[in-house]
Structure formats: structure tokens, C-alpha cells
C-alpha atoms as a PDB file:
ATOM      1  CA  UNK A   1       0.000   0.000   0.000  1.00  0.00           C
ATOM      2  CA  UNK A   2       1.481   3.307  -1.040  1.00  0.00           C
ATOM      3  CA  UNK A   3       1.988   6.037   1.518  1.00  0.00           C
ATOM      4  CA  UNK A   4      -0.368   8.982   1.360  1.00  0.00           C
ATOM      5  CA  UNK A   5       0.660  12.594   1.625  1.00  0.00           C
ATOM      6  CA  UNK A   6      -1.190  15.914   1.790  1.00  0.00           C
ATOM      7  CA  UNK A   7      -2.683  17.212  -1.441  1.00  0.00           C
ATOM      8  CA  UNK A   8      -0.968  19.935  -3.432  1.00  0.00           C
ATOM      9  CA  UNK A   9      -1.941  23.522  -2.708  1.00  0.00           C
ATOM     10  CA  UNK A  10      -1.768  26.518  -5.036  1.00  0.00           C
ATOM     11  CA  UNK A  11      -1.266  29.867  -3.316  1.00  0.00           C
ATOM     12  CA  UNK A  12      -2.155  32.922  -5.412  1.00  0.00           C
ATOM     13  CA  UNK A  13      -3.315  35.565  -2.958  1.00  0.00           C
ATOM     14  CA  UNK A  14      -0.900  38.383  -2.244  1.00  0.00           C
ATOM     15  CA  UNK A  15      -1.550  38.150   1.474  1.00  0.00           C
ATOM     16  CA  UNK A  16      -0.613  34.449   1.694  1.00  0.00           C
ATOM     17  CA  UNK A  17       2.654  34.294  -0.266  1.00  0.00           C
ATOM     18  CA  UNK A  18       5.060  35.536   2.377  1.00  0.00           C
ATOM     19  CA  UNK A  19       3.273  33.767   5.236  1.00  0.00           C
ATOM     20  CA  UNK A  20       3.371  30.437   3.363  1.00  0.00           C
ATOM     21  CA  UNK A  21       7.122  30.669   2.790  1.00  0.00           C
ATOM     22  CA  UNK A  22       7.787  31.778   6.363  1.00  0.00           C
ATOM     23  CA  UNK A  23       5.686  28.972   7.844  1.00  0.00           C
ATOM     24  CA  UNK A  24       7.518  26.289   5.862  1.00  0.00           C
ATOM     25  CA  UNK A  25      10.932  27.634   6.887  1.00  0.00           C
ATOM     26  CA  UNK A  26       9.735  27.936  10.501  1.00  0.00           C
ATOM     27  CA  UNK A  27       8.603  24.315  10.590  1.00  0.00           C
ATOM     28  CA  UNK A  28      11.824  22.851   9.150  1.00  0.00           C
ATOM     29  CA  UNK A  29      13.660  20.663  11.625  1.00  0.00           C
ATOM     30  CA  UNK A  30      16.605  19.132   9.762  1.00  0.00           C
ATOM     31  CA  UNK A  31      17.343  20.698   6.397  1.00  0.00           C
ATOM     32  CA  UNK A  32      16.338  23.380   3.925  1.00  0.00           C
ATOM     33  CA  UNK A  33      17.299  23.442   0.249  1.00  0.00           C
ATOM     34  CA  UNK A  34      16.716  26.901  -1.154  1.00  0.00           C
ATOM     35  CA  UNK A  35      17.029  28.072  -4.760  1.00  0.00           C
ATOM     36  CA  UNK A  36      16.903  31.828  -5.272  1.00  0.00           C
ATOM     37  CA  UNK A  37      17.236  34.416  -7.980  1.00  0.00           C
ATOM     38  CA  UNK A  38      16.529  37.424  -5.763  1.00  0.00           C
ATOM     39  CA  UNK A  39      15.687  37.833  -2.077  1.00  0.00           C
ATOM     40  CA  UNK A  40      15.554  40.980   0.053  1.00  0.00           C
ATOM     41  CA  UNK A  41      12.736  40.234   2.491  1.00  0.00           C
ATOM     42  CA  UNK A  42      13.824  40.748   6.099  1.00  0.00           C
ATOM     43  CA  UNK A  43      11.312  38.220   7.441  1.00  0.00           C
ATOM     44  CA  UNK A  44      12.665  35.477   5.164  1.00  0.00           C
ATOM     45  CA  UNK A  45      16.226  36.178   6.308  1.00  0.00           C
ATOM     46  CA  UNK A  46      15.036  36.236   9.926  1.00  0.00           C
ATOM     47  CA  UNK A  47      13.367  32.824   9.665  1.00  0.00           C
ATOM     48  CA  UNK A  48      16.416  31.364   7.929  1.00  0.00           C
ATOM     49  CA  UNK A  49      18.656  32.635  10.736  1.00  0.00           C
ATOM     50  CA  UNK A  50      16.295  31.148  13.333  1.00  0.00           C
ATOM     51  CA  UNK A  51      16.303  27.827  11.492  1.00  0.00           C
ATOM     52  CA  UNK A  52      20.100  27.739  11.416  1.00  0.00           C
ATOM     53  CA  UNK A  53      20.199  28.598  15.129  1.00  0.00           C
ATOM     54  CA  UNK A  54      18.078  25.535  15.967  1.00  0.00           C
ATOM     55  CA  UNK A  55      20.400  23.288  13.962  1.00  0.00           C
ATOM     56  CA  UNK A  56      18.744  23.170  10.548  1.00  0.00           C
ATOM     57  CA  UNK A  57      21.208  22.766   7.685  1.00  0.00           C
ATOM     58  CA  UNK A  58      20.537  25.348   4.960  1.00  0.00           C
ATOM     59  CA  UNK A  59      21.907  24.858   1.447  1.00  0.00           C
ATOM     60  CA  UNK A  60      21.284  27.756  -0.909  1.00  0.00           C
ATOM     61  CA  UNK A  61      21.828  27.897  -4.661  1.00  0.00           C
ATOM     62  CA  UNK A  62      21.878  31.372  -6.178  1.00  0.00           C
ATOM     63  CA  UNK A  63      22.621  33.022  -9.483  1.00  0.00           C
ATOM     64  CA  UNK A  64      25.985  34.512 -10.313  1.00  0.00           C
ATOM     65  CA  UNK A  65      24.441  36.931 -12.841  1.00  0.00           C
ATOM     66  CA  UNK A  66      21.521  39.305 -12.494  1.00  0.00           C
ATOM     67  CA  UNK A  67      20.425  42.716 -13.672  1.00  0.00           C
ATOM     68  CA  UNK A  68      22.095  45.330 -11.512  1.00  0.00           C
ATOM     69  CA  UNK A  69      25.565  43.802 -11.575  1.00  0.00           C
ATOM     70  CA  UNK A  70      27.617  41.659  -9.243  1.00  0.00           C
ATOM     71  CA  UNK A  71      27.289  43.998  -6.264  1.00  0.00           C
ATOM     72  CA  UNK A  72      23.617  43.180  -5.837  1.00  0.00           C
ATOM     73  CA  UNK A  73      24.280  39.465  -6.255  1.00  0.00           C
ATOM     74  CA  UNK A  74      27.138  39.503  -3.759  1.00  0.00           C
ATOM     75  CA  UNK A  75      24.882  41.262  -1.259  1.00  0.00           C
ATOM     76  CA  UNK A  76      22.503  38.297  -1.447  1.00  0.00           C
ATOM     77  CA  UNK A  77      25.338  35.792  -1.044  1.00  0.00           C
ATOM     78  CA  UNK A  78      26.607  37.667   2.009  1.00  0.00           C
ATOM     79  CA  UNK A  79      23.179  38.000   3.598  1.00  0.00           C
ATOM     80  CA  UNK A  80      22.458  34.291   3.212  1.00  0.00           C
ATOM     81  CA  UNK A  81      25.852  33.390   4.657  1.00  0.00           C
ATOM     82  CA  UNK A  82      25.171  35.641   7.635  1.00  0.00           C
ATOM     83  CA  UNK A  83      21.959  33.669   8.207  1.00  0.00           C
ATOM     84  CA  UNK A  84      23.982  30.462   8.466  1.00  0.00           C
ATOM     85  CA  UNK A  85      23.394  29.112   4.966  1.00  0.00           C
ATOM     86  CA  UNK A  86      25.972  27.289   2.874  1.00  0.00           C
ATOM     87  CA  UNK A  87      25.819  29.212  -0.403  1.00  0.00           C
ATOM     88  CA  UNK A  88      26.758  27.943  -3.842  1.00  0.00           C
ATOM     89  CA  UNK A  89      26.523  29.889  -7.069  1.00  0.00           C
ATOM     90  CA  UNK A  90      25.482  28.654 -10.475  1.00  0.00           C
ATOM     91  CA  UNK A  91      28.042  29.966 -12.919  1.00  0.00           C
ATOM     92  CA  UNK A  92      27.410  28.291 -16.260  1.00  0.00           C
ATOM     93  CA  UNK A  93      28.815  30.585 -19.008  1.00  0.00           C
ATOM     94  CA  UNK A  94      25.682  30.162 -21.149  1.00  0.00           C
ATOM     95  CA  UNK A  95      22.774  29.171 -18.912  1.00  0.00           C
ATOM     96  CA  UNK A  96      21.442  31.819 -16.531  1.00  0.00           C
ATOM     97  CA  UNK A  97      20.092  30.664 -13.161  1.00  0.00           C
ATOM     98  CA  UNK A  98      16.443  31.589 -12.566  1.00  0.00           C
ATOM     99  CA  UNK A  99      14.996  28.650 -10.567  1.00  0.00           C
ATOM    100  CA  UNK A 100      12.882  29.442  -7.493  1.00  0.00           C
ATOM    101  CA  UNK A 101      12.093  26.633  -5.093  1.00  0.00           C
ATOM    102  CA  UNK A 102      12.326  25.557  -1.473  1.00  0.00           C
ATOM    103  CA  UNK A 103      12.444  22.108   0.127  1.00  0.00           C
ATOM    104  CA  UNK A 104      12.076  21.616   3.874  1.00  0.00           C
ATOM    105  CA  UNK A 105      13.140  18.256   5.340  1.00  0.00           C
ATOM    106  CA  UNK A 106      11.394  15.439   3.409  1.00  0.00           C
ATOM    107  CA  UNK A 107       8.634  17.848   2.411  1.00  0.00           C
ATOM    108  CA  UNK A 108       6.889  20.033   1.791  1.00  0.00           C
ATOM    109  CA  UNK A 109       8.460  21.649  -1.228  1.00  0.00           C
ATOM    110  CA  UNK A 110       7.512  24.966  -2.781  1.00  0.00           C
ATOM    111  CA  UNK A 111       7.892  25.759  -6.471  1.00  0.00           C
ATOM    112  CA  UNK A 112       7.450  29.498  -6.909  1.00  0.00           C
ATOM    113  CA  UNK A 113       6.947  31.881  -9.766  1.00  0.00           C
ATOM    114  CA  UNK A 114       7.974  34.786  -7.549  1.00  0.00           C
ATOM    115  CA  UNK A 115      11.237  35.986  -6.105  1.00  0.00           C
ATOM    116  CA  UNK A 116      11.413  36.151  -2.320  1.00  0.00           C
ATOM    117  CA  UNK A 117      11.371  39.934  -2.404  1.00  0.00           C
ATOM    118  CA  UNK A 118       9.165  42.648  -0.959  1.00  0.00           C
ATOM    119  CA  UNK A 119       8.062  43.540  -4.484  1.00  0.00           C
ATOM    120  CA  UNK A 120       7.013  40.012  -5.433  1.00  0.00           C
ATOM    121  CA  UNK A 121       5.322  39.367  -2.114  1.00  0.00           C
ATOM    122  CA  UNK A 122       3.268  42.548  -2.329  1.00  0.00           C
ATOM    123  CA  UNK A 123       2.992  43.945  -5.853  1.00  0.00           C
ATOM    124  CA  UNK A 124       3.126  41.206  -8.483  1.00  0.00           C
ATOM    125  CA  UNK A 125       0.730  38.625  -9.905  1.00  0.00           C
ATOM    126  CA  UNK A 126       2.417  35.375  -8.871  1.00  0.00           C
ATOM    127  CA  UNK A 127       1.743  31.916  -7.503  1.00  0.00           C
ATOM    128  CA  UNK A 128       3.280  29.206  -5.327  1.00  0.00           C
ATOM    129  CA  UNK A 129       2.712  25.463  -5.383  1.00  0.00           C
ATOM    130  CA  UNK A 130       3.121  23.642  -2.072  1.00  0.00           C
ATOM    131  CA  UNK A 131       3.564  19.892  -2.545  1.00  0.00           C
ATOM    132  CA  UNK A 132       4.443  16.911  -0.366  1.00  0.00           C
ATOM    133  CA  UNK A 133       4.847  14.612  -3.381  1.00  0.00           C
ATOM    134  CA  UNK A 134       8.006  12.638  -2.485  1.00  0.00           C
ATOM    135  CA  UNK A 135       9.062  12.395  -6.133  1.00  0.00           C
ATOM    136  CA  UNK A 136       8.950  16.167  -6.518  1.00  0.00           C
ATOM    137  CA  UNK A 137      10.722  16.682  -3.190  1.00  0.00           C
ATOM    138  CA  UNK A 138      13.511  14.262  -4.070  1.00  0.00           C
ATOM    139  CA  UNK A 139      13.657  15.584  -7.632  1.00  0.00           C
ATOM    140  CA  UNK A 140      14.301  19.128  -6.470  1.00  0.00           C
ATOM    141  CA  UNK A 141      17.048  17.924  -4.157  1.00  0.00           C
ATOM    142  CA  UNK A 142      18.585  15.922  -7.025  1.00  0.00           C
ATOM    143  CA  UNK A 143      18.441  18.979  -9.250  1.00  0.00           C
ATOM    144  CA  UNK A 144      20.190  21.162  -6.671  1.00  0.00           C
ATOM    145  CA  UNK A 145      22.918  18.546  -6.219  1.00  0.00           C
ATOM    146  CA  UNK A 146      23.403  18.365  -9.985  1.00  0.00           C
ATOM    147  CA  UNK A 147      23.582  22.135 -10.289  1.00  0.00           C
ATOM    148  CA  UNK A 148      26.096  22.341  -7.445  1.00  0.00           C
ATOM    149  CA  UNK A 149      28.302  19.898  -9.346  1.00  0.00           C
ATOM    150  CA  UNK A 150      27.648  21.537 -12.738  1.00  0.00           C
ATOM    151  CA  UNK A 151      25.905  18.453 -14.130  1.00  0.00           C
ATOM    152  CA  UNK A 152      22.831  18.408 -16.389  1.00  0.00           C
ATOM    153  CA  UNK A 153      19.482  17.800 -14.739  1.00  0.00           C
ATOM    154  CA  UNK A 154      19.125  14.041 -14.118  1.00  0.00           C
ATOM    155  CA  UNK A 155      16.725  12.403 -16.566  1.00  0.00           C
ATOM    156  CA  UNK A 156      15.164  10.425 -13.706  1.00  0.00           C
ATOM    157  CA  UNK A 157      13.644  13.512 -12.053  1.00  0.00           C
ATOM    158  CA  UNK A 158       9.846  13.428 -11.776  1.00  0.00           C
ATOM    159  CA  UNK A 159       8.092  14.430 -15.019  1.00  0.00           C
ATOM    160  CA  UNK A 160       5.936  16.729 -12.895  1.00  0.00           C
ATOM    161  CA  UNK A 161       8.911  19.080 -12.820  1.00  0.00           C
ATOM    162  CA  UNK A 162       9.310  21.194 -15.955  1.00  0.00           C
ATOM    163  CA  UNK A 163      13.042  21.847 -16.123  1.00  0.00           C
ATOM    164  CA  UNK A 164      14.841  24.220 -18.437  1.00  0.00           C
ATOM    165  CA  UNK A 165      16.881  24.181 -20.480  1.00  0.00           C
ATOM    166  CA  UNK A 166      17.213  20.396 -20.750  1.00  0.00           C
ATOM    167  CA  UNK A 167      13.583  19.396 -21.238  1.00  0.00           C
ATOM    168  CA  UNK A 168      11.245  22.382 -20.807  1.00  0.00           C
ATOM    169  CA  UNK A 169      10.560  22.878 -24.513  1.00  0.00           C
ATOM    170  CA  UNK A 170       9.739  19.198 -25.008  1.00  0.00           C
ATOM    171  CA  UNK A 171       7.527  19.068 -21.933  1.00  0.00           C
ATOM    172  CA  UNK A 172       5.533  22.215 -22.727  1.00  0.00           C
ATOM    173  CA  UNK A 173       5.128  21.159 -26.352  1.00  0.00           C
ATOM    174  CA  UNK A 174       3.676  17.831 -25.201  1.00  0.00           C
ATOM    175  CA  UNK A 175       1.246  19.516 -22.809  1.00  0.00           C
ATOM    176  CA  UNK A 176      -0.031  21.823 -25.556  1.00  0.00           C
ATOM    177  CA  UNK A 177      -0.277  18.964 -28.076  1.00  0.00           C
ATOM    178  CA  UNK A 178      -2.190  16.760 -25.613  1.00  0.00           C
ATOM    179  CA  UNK A 179      -4.822  19.413 -24.803  1.00  0.00           C
ATOM    180  CA  UNK A 180      -8.346  18.290 -25.707  1.00  0.00           C
ATOM    181  CA  UNK A 181     -10.527  21.367 -25.238  1.00  0.00           C
ATOM    182  CA  UNK A 182      -8.780  24.440 -23.837  1.00  0.00           C
ATOM    183  CA  UNK A 183      -5.454  26.105 -23.118  1.00  0.00           C
ATOM    184  CA  UNK A 184      -5.314  29.232 -20.975  1.00  0.00           C
ATOM    185  CA  UNK A 185      -2.048  31.039 -20.314  1.00  0.00           C
ATOM    186  CA  UNK A 186      -0.878  33.998 -18.243  1.00  0.00           C
ATOM    187  CA  UNK A 187       2.483  35.069 -19.662  1.00  0.00           C
ATOM    188  CA  UNK A 188       3.470  38.654 -20.409  1.00  0.00           C
ATOM    189  CA  UNK A 189       6.589  37.422 -22.244  1.00  0.00           C
ATOM    190  CA  UNK A 190       5.111  34.728 -24.480  1.00  0.00           C
ATOM    191  CA  UNK A 191       7.043  34.963 -27.742  1.00  0.00           C
ATOM    192  CA  UNK A 192       8.670  31.648 -28.691  1.00  0.00           C
ATOM    193  CA  UNK A 193       8.017  31.215 -32.435  1.00  0.00           C
ATOM    194  CA  UNK A 194       7.609  27.437 -32.374  1.00  0.00           C
ATOM    195  CA  UNK A 195       5.189  27.377 -29.458  1.00  0.00           C
ATOM    196  CA  UNK A 196       3.253  30.380 -30.766  1.00  0.00           C
ATOM    197  CA  UNK A 197       2.843  28.474 -34.041  1.00  0.00           C
ATOM    198  CA  UNK A 198       1.687  25.398 -32.134  1.00  0.00           C
ATOM    199  CA  UNK A 199      -0.813  27.396 -30.073  1.00  0.00           C
ATOM    200  CA  UNK A 200      -2.203  28.921 -33.276  1.00  0.00           C
ATOM    201  CA  UNK A 201      -2.537  25.442 -34.759  1.00  0.00           C
ATOM    202  CA  UNK A 202      -4.406  24.175 -31.694  1.00  0.00           C
ATOM    203  CA  UNK A 203      -6.741  27.169 -31.930  1.00  0.00           C
ATOM    204  CA  UNK A 204      -7.318  26.479 -35.621  1.00  0.00           C
ATOM    205  CA  UNK A 205      -8.142  22.889 -34.702  1.00  0.00           C
ATOM    206  CA  UNK A 206     -11.012  24.142 -32.561  1.00  0.00           C
ATOM    207  CA  UNK A 207      -9.521  24.412 -29.085  1.00  0.00           C
ATOM    208  CA  UNK A 208     -10.231  27.431 -26.927  1.00  0.00           C
ATOM    209  CA  UNK A 209      -6.831  29.135 -26.614  1.00  0.00           C
ATOM    210  CA  UNK A 210      -6.704  32.173 -24.357  1.00  0.00           C
ATOM    211  CA  UNK A 211      -3.571  34.230 -23.723  1.00  0.00           C
ATOM    212  CA  UNK A 212      -3.456  36.843 -20.962  1.00  0.00           C
ATOM    213  CA  UNK A 213      -0.438  38.873 -22.044  1.00  0.00           C
ATOM    214  CA  UNK A 214      -1.089  42.045 -20.059  1.00  0.00           C
ATOM    215  CA  UNK A 215       1.927  43.510 -18.322  1.00  0.00           C
ATOM    216  CA  UNK A 216      -0.387  44.452 -15.466  1.00  0.00           C
ATOM    217  CA  UNK A 217      -3.319  42.496 -14.074  1.00  0.00           C
ATOM    218  CA  UNK A 218      -5.442  44.830 -12.029  1.00  0.00           C
ATOM    219  CA  UNK A 219      -3.101  46.643  -9.664  1.00  0.00           C
ATOM    220  CA  UNK A 220      -0.408  43.978  -9.902  1.00  0.00           C
ATOM    221  CA  UNK A 221       2.492  43.565 -12.314  1.00  0.00           C
ATOM    222  CA  UNK A 222       2.170  40.326 -14.298  1.00  0.00           C
ATOM    223  CA  UNK A 223       5.185  38.255 -13.273  1.00  0.00           C
ATOM    224  CA  UNK A 224       4.317  34.586 -12.712  1.00  0.00           C
ATOM    225  CA  UNK A 225       3.648  32.217 -15.601  1.00  0.00           C
ATOM    226  CA  UNK A 226       0.564  30.006 -15.352  1.00  0.00           C
ATOM    227  CA  UNK A 227      -0.898  27.543 -17.852  1.00  0.00           C
ATOM    228  CA  UNK A 228      -4.239  25.750 -17.442  1.00  0.00           C
ATOM    229  CA  UNK A 229      -4.923  22.810 -19.780  1.00  0.00           C
ATOM    230  CA  UNK A 230      -8.459  21.404 -20.150  1.00  0.00           C
ATOM    231  CA  UNK A 231      -9.219  22.642 -16.629  1.00  0.00           C
ATOM    232  CA  UNK A 232      -7.460  19.442 -15.519  1.00  0.00           C
ATOM    233  CA  UNK A 233      -3.793  20.318 -15.308  1.00  0.00           C
ATOM    234  CA  UNK A 234      -1.971  23.498 -14.373  1.00  0.00           C
ATOM    235  CA  UNK A 235       1.664  24.498 -14.822  1.00  0.00           C
ATOM    236  CA  UNK A 236       3.062  27.114 -12.448  1.00  0.00           C
ATOM    237  CA  UNK A 237       6.526  28.655 -12.360  1.00  0.00           C
ATOM    238  CA  UNK A 238       8.679  31.537 -13.526  1.00  0.00           C
ATOM    239  CA  UNK A 239       9.418  30.018 -16.939  1.00  0.00           C
ATOM    240  CA  UNK A 240       8.192  32.211 -19.786  1.00  0.00           C
ATOM    241  CA  UNK A 241       7.187  30.713 -23.119  1.00  0.00           C
ATOM    242  CA  UNK A 242      10.090  32.537 -24.696  1.00  0.00           C
ATOM    243  CA  UNK A 243      13.215  31.132 -26.308  1.00  0.00           C
ATOM    244  CA  UNK A 244      15.607  32.671 -23.800  1.00  0.00           C
ATOM    245  CA  UNK A 245      13.677  31.183 -20.886  1.00  0.00           C
ATOM    246  CA  UNK A 246      13.183  27.755 -22.446  1.00  0.00           C
ATOM    247  CA  UNK A 247      16.627  27.276 -23.959  1.00  0.00           C
ATOM    248  CA  UNK A 248      19.098  29.405 -22.003  1.00  0.00           C
ATOM    249  CA  UNK A 249      17.974  29.448 -18.374  1.00  0.00           C
ATOM    250  CA  UNK A 250      17.846  27.065 -15.466  1.00  0.00           C
ATOM    251  CA  UNK A 251      14.124  27.206 -14.812  1.00  0.00           C
ATOM    252  CA  UNK A 252      11.732  25.124 -12.752  1.00  0.00           C
ATOM    253  CA  UNK A 253       7.956  24.881 -12.993  1.00  0.00           C
ATOM    254  CA  UNK A 254       5.610  22.180 -11.734  1.00  0.00           C
ATOM    255  CA  UNK A 255       2.587  20.382 -13.158  1.00  0.00           C
ATOM    256  CA  UNK A 256      -0.415  20.217 -10.831  1.00  0.00           C
ATOM    257  CA  UNK A 257      -3.326  17.839 -11.358  1.00  0.00           C
ATOM    258  CA  UNK A 258      -4.834  17.768  -7.856  1.00  0.00           C
ATOM    259  CA  UNK A 259      -8.499  18.668  -8.576  1.00  0.00           C
ATOM    260  CA  UNK A 260      -8.922  21.175  -5.740  1.00  0.00           C
ATOM    261  CA  UNK A 261      -5.675  22.953  -6.622  1.00  0.00           C
ATOM    262  CA  UNK A 262      -6.543  23.042 -10.329  1.00  0.00           C
ATOM    263  CA  UNK A 263      -9.964  24.436  -9.409  1.00  0.00           C
ATOM    264  CA  UNK A 264      -8.201  27.284  -7.604  1.00  0.00           C
ATOM    265  CA  UNK A 265      -6.286  28.062 -10.796  1.00  0.00           C
ATOM    266  CA  UNK A 266      -9.505  27.919 -12.799  1.00  0.00           C
ATOM    267  CA  UNK A 267     -11.068  30.421 -10.402  1.00  0.00           C
ATOM    268  CA  UNK A 268      -8.002  32.623 -10.789  1.00  0.00           C
ATOM    269  CA  UNK A 269      -8.513  32.803 -14.545  1.00  0.00           C
ATOM    270  CA  UNK A 270     -12.225  33.464 -14.084  1.00  0.00           C
ATOM    271  CA  UNK A 271     -11.483  36.309 -11.683  1.00  0.00           C
ATOM    272  CA  UNK A 272      -9.454  38.140 -14.337  1.00  0.00           C
ATOM    273  CA  UNK A 273     -12.694  38.936 -16.145  1.00  0.00           C
ATOM    274  CA  UNK A 274     -13.988  41.009 -13.257  1.00  0.00           C
ATOM    275  CA  UNK A 275     -10.907  43.007 -12.334  1.00  0.00           C
ATOM    276  CA  UNK A 276     -11.882  46.709 -12.376  1.00  0.00           C
ATOM    277  CA  UNK A 277     -10.015  49.166 -14.575  1.00  0.00           C
ATOM    278  CA  UNK A 278     -10.196  52.787 -15.611  1.00  0.00           C
ATOM    279  CA  UNK A 279     -13.045  53.547 -17.968  1.00  0.00           C
ATOM    280  CA  UNK A 280     -15.129  50.656 -16.694  1.00  0.00           C
ATOM    281  CA  UNK A 281     -13.417  48.000 -18.842  1.00  0.00           C
ATOM    282  CA  UNK A 282     -11.945  44.810 -17.489  1.00  0.00           C
ATOM    283  CA  UNK A 283      -8.296  45.124 -16.635  1.00  0.00           C
ATOM    284  CA  UNK A 284      -7.129  42.356 -18.946  1.00  0.00           C
ATOM    285  CA  UNK A 285      -9.953  42.167 -21.441  1.00  0.00           C
ATOM    286  CA  UNK A 286      -8.044  44.116 -24.053  1.00  0.00           C
ATOM    287  CA  UNK A 287      -5.000  41.964 -23.422  1.00  0.00           C
ATOM    288  CA  UNK A 288      -6.614  38.590 -24.113  1.00  0.00           C
ATOM    289  CA  UNK A 289      -4.858  38.542 -27.437  1.00  0.00           C
ATOM    290  CA  UNK A 290      -5.030  36.455 -30.544  1.00  0.00           C
ATOM    291  CA  UNK A 291      -1.655  34.920 -31.231  1.00  0.00           C
END
């Protein structure tokens, strides 16, 4: 008989993002694996320091390149080290590091579309997936170990994890090709020629294909990337459907098929229709674009 574990959760509300991350760090008892692109939130650093003080091992993987130069990146390295984390940097000459995830003990794990920053916690349209799936948990740990040793992502990692650049294009192509009735996407950077062509073909074949490409959704900046397929599967992460994101970045997204979690994503898309905007129009109505 297989072991059971708590169902996946999708967190989209602005008010719950920071508290979800803080709670998971606070409850860690043995180890934390943390993958970051940016982090400047004092509460996150405070909880990491408290975790280290109670004996939790913290391994952090961070980028070596980011907009704003090395000074900003080094500040993050230093701050994490001061919290008691062992910090490693991803320094591939071609692939940029952009993965955002957290694993506490043997679960839960969080795959995030947002940075752990004040801006992303408060002012962006983003999402988190909280999962206890042991294959996802172990897969994220395997990925971090591979990245620390400058190895490609192991092929054995759970197919629930969409991983760029090794397999993201293939995985997203398959999800779009397998859709039966509808594909809905939030992605302000969608631009990859091959996948745009495929989405157009699926639309021509009679599927409902909806793209929310607004740079702002209501009062929030559009930042996270979310795909909903047939109202049965969702993909959440920071990976844009753009060539640079698919082919030249270490990215991580996760596939969710837990019915209650997918229903939350479906409600998120439905809520976009009622966001108020100046002039009485919907905030994203004009941005639901034909490809």
C-alpha cells in the first residue's frame, strides 16, 4: 500500500505568499534546500537565521548573474551566509540561473513563480505550489545537487517538474499537443516562435486558446507564468514561453493535477474577467490577445 501525503496547494493571494514561505521555513527541523534568484525580504532572512540557530542545515543555490551587476548578487550571497546558509553559485557561461524553489526536510516543497522579495510578495501577480509529493521533493534535491556539481538535470527527475533548459521545450510542447478542449495562459513574455505556431494550430483545430499577455493584471504587475490545460492540469513557475527562458535558463515549474488545486487556478482565470479598470473596462480584457 502506497503512503499517502497531503494534497498539493496553489497559493495565489498576495496576502498568503510571504506567510506560506515563512511557515515552511519555521517548521523545518533538519534541512532546507533553497534556490533563489533574488531575495531581500527581512522576514525570510530572519526565519532562515532562526532555522540555522536551531540546527537546521541550509543549502542555498543562487545566481551569479543578475540585472544590476555583481554587487547586488554579492549582497545576497553575504546576507544568506550571515543567516547560516551554505551558499553555492550557479556559474554556467551560457545558462542563466532563474529557478525558485524551497524544500524543507522530506517535504513540503515549494515551487514558486515569484522571487522572495518585498516587491514580489506585495505587488506582483504570482503563484506558489506547495507539494508533499516525495518524487517532486527528491527531484528538487537531485536537481540542486546536480547544479552544485555543474551536471545536467538528471533524466530520472519526476516528469511533474518542468526543467529548463534540458527538457522544458519538449515538456511544454507535449502539454499543448495533448490538450483536448482548452489552453489558458498567463504570460506577459510569451514569444517563442515554435510554441506560438503550435498554439495557433491548436486554436485552428477548434480548441479554446486564451492568452493573458497584459503587463499588469489589475493593480499587480504580471510576473508569474501560469498555464491551465483542459481545466485538468496546471503548470506554475517563472518560466516564460520565450526562447531565452526555455533554452538558455535554469528554470523550474511544476505540473499540478490535484483537482482542488486546479480548481483554484480555474477560479483565478475566471477572476481576471472582473478586475476593475479605468473607464469601466476589465483590466485584462483588451490583453486577451489572438496569437
